[in-house]
């Protein structure tokens, strides 16, 4: 969960940094208002398309990572379940042996 929060903070930082750089570049440009507005229209479209593509890439990577993590945890859970099952069977056998020994000891005393 913390990794997801770090990823979203990272993405937010990238988007914010790109937007801030874009605005700073436009505001510091030495052009008349009409040219600046035209550039804003062209560049903002490109900027948002780039951001959309990057976010789509991040979504795909996140989905892949989540899938890999799910597969990993499923394998570990199955292995743990098998280990527990083996231990329970072993404990059952030990309990049965102790019960038989106790019965035999009780029979010898009586």
Protein backbone atom coordinates (compact mmCIF):
# COMPACT_ATOMS: atom_id res chain seq x y z
CA UNK A 1 0.00 0.00 0.00
CA UNK A 2 2.84 2.36 0.79
CA UNK A 3 4.43 1.61 -2.58
CA UNK A 4 1.19 2.62 -4.32
CA UNK A 5 1.19 5.92 -2.41
CA UNK A 6 4.82 6.53 -3.36
CA UNK A 7 4.01 5.82 -7.01
CA UNK A 8 1.09 8.23 -7.04
CA UNK A 9 3.23 10.89 -5.34
CA UNK A 10 5.92 10.35 -7.95
CA UNK A 11 3.43 10.64 -10.81
CA UNK A 12 1.93 13.77 -9.25
CA UNK A 13 5.44 15.25 -8.94
CA UNK A 14 6.21 14.55 -12.58
CA UNK A 15 2.92 16.03 -13.80
CA UNK A 16 3.29 19.07 -11.55
CA UNK A 17 6.89 19.61 -12.64
CA UNK A 18 5.99 19.34 -16.31
CA UNK A 19 3.09 21.76 -15.89
CA UNK A 20 5.20 24.25 -13.93
CA UNK A 21 7.96 24.11 -16.53
CA UNK A 22 5.45 24.53 -19.32
CA UNK A 23 3.85 27.59 -17.69
CA UNK A 24 7.21 29.12 -16.84
CA UNK A 25 8.39 28.64 -20.40
CA UNK A 26 5.29 30.25 -21.87
CA UNK A 27 5.31 33.17 -19.46
CA UNK A 28 8.98 33.91 -20.05
CA UNK A 29 8.66 33.70 -23.84
CA UNK A 30 9.41 36.88 -25.72
CA UNK A 31 6.35 36.79 -28.01
CA UNK A 32 3.19 38.84 -28.48
CA UNK A 33 -0.06 37.69 -26.87
CA UNK A 34 -1.57 36.24 -30.04
CA UNK A 35 1.47 34.06 -30.74
CA UNK A 36 1.63 33.02 -27.09
CA UNK A 37 -2.04 31.95 -27.13
CA UNK A 38 -1.49 29.99 -30.35
CA UNK A 39 1.57 28.32 -28.84
CA UNK A 40 -0.43 27.55 -25.70
CA UNK A 41 -3.10 25.82 -27.75
CA UNK A 42 -0.58 23.76 -29.68
CA UNK A 43 1.73 22.97 -26.77
CA UNK A 44 -1.01 22.29 -24.24
CA UNK A 45 -2.55 19.73 -26.56
CA UNK A 46 0.85 18.04 -26.96
CA UNK A 47 1.53 18.31 -23.23
CA UNK A 48 -1.75 16.69 -22.20
CA UNK A 49 -1.35 13.97 -24.81
CA UNK A 50 2.13 13.21 -23.44
CA UNK A 51 0.80 13.14 -19.88
CA UNK A 52 -2.04 10.83 -20.94
CA UNK A 53 0.42 8.47 -22.64
CA UNK A 54 2.70 8.43 -19.58
CA UNK A 55 -0.25 7.77 -17.26
CA UNK A 56 -1.41 4.94 -19.52
CA UNK A 57 2.10 3.46 -19.39
CA UNK A 58 2.12 3.75 -15.60
CA UNK A 59 -1.31 2.06 -15.40
CA UNK A 60 -0.04 -0.84 -17.50
CA UNK A 61 3.10 -1.18 -15.38
CA UNK A 62 1.04 -1.02 -12.18
CA UNK A 63 -1.33 -3.71 -13.47
CA UNK A 64 1.62 -5.92 -14.40
CA UNK A 65 3.25 -5.38 -11.02
CA UNK A 66 0.01 -6.14 -9.18
CA UNK A 67 -0.45 -9.29 -11.27
CA UNK A 68 3.10 -10.43 -10.52
CA UNK A 69 2.62 -9.72 -6.81
CA UNK A 70 -0.66 -11.65 -6.81
CA UNK A 71 0.99 -14.63 -8.49
CA UNK A 72 3.87 -14.49 -5.99
CA UNK A 73 1.56 -14.32 -2.97
CA UNK A 74 -0.67 -17.10 -4.34
CA UNK A 75 2.38 -19.37 -4.69
CA UNK A 76 3.57 -18.52 -1.16
CA UNK A 77 0.09 -19.10 0.29
CA UNK A 78 -0.19 -22.49 -1.41
CA UNK A 79 3.24 -23.50 -0.15
CA UNK A 80 2.35 -22.35 3.36
CA UNK A 81 -0.96 -24.24 3.26
CA UNK A 82 0.83 -27.41 2.17
CA UNK A 83 3.40 -26.96 4.94
CA UNK A 84 0.66 -26.47 7.53
CA UNK A 85 -1.20 -29.51 6.25
CA UNK A 86 1.96 -31.63 6.56
CA UNK A 87 2.57 -30.37 10.09
CA UNK A 88 -1.04 -31.06 11.13
CA UNK A 89 -0.80 -34.61 9.75
CA UNK A 90 2.46 -35.12 11.64
CA UNK A 91 0.95 -33.80 14.86
CA UNK A 92 -2.08 -36.05 14.36
CA UNK A 93 0.17 -39.08 14.05
CA UNK A 94 2.15 -38.07 17.14
CA UNK A 95 -1.08 -37.60 19.09
CA UNK A 96 -2.31 -41.00 17.98
CA UNK A 97 0.97 -42.62 19.06
CA UNK A 98 0.83 -40.89 22.45
CA UNK A 99 -2.79 -41.97 22.91
CA UNK A 100 -1.87 -45.59 22.11
CA UNK A 101 1.08 -45.48 24.54
CA UNK A 102 -1.09 -44.00 27.26
CA UNK A 103 -3.74 -46.66 26.68
CA UNK A 104 -1.09 -49.37 26.81
CA UNK A 105 0.35 -47.94 30.07
CA UNK A 106 -3.13 -47.69 31.58
CA UNK A 107 -3.90 -51.31 30.57
CA UNK A 108 -0.64 -52.57 32.16
CA UNK A 109 -1.48 -50.89 35.46
CA UNK A 110 -4.94 -52.40 35.68
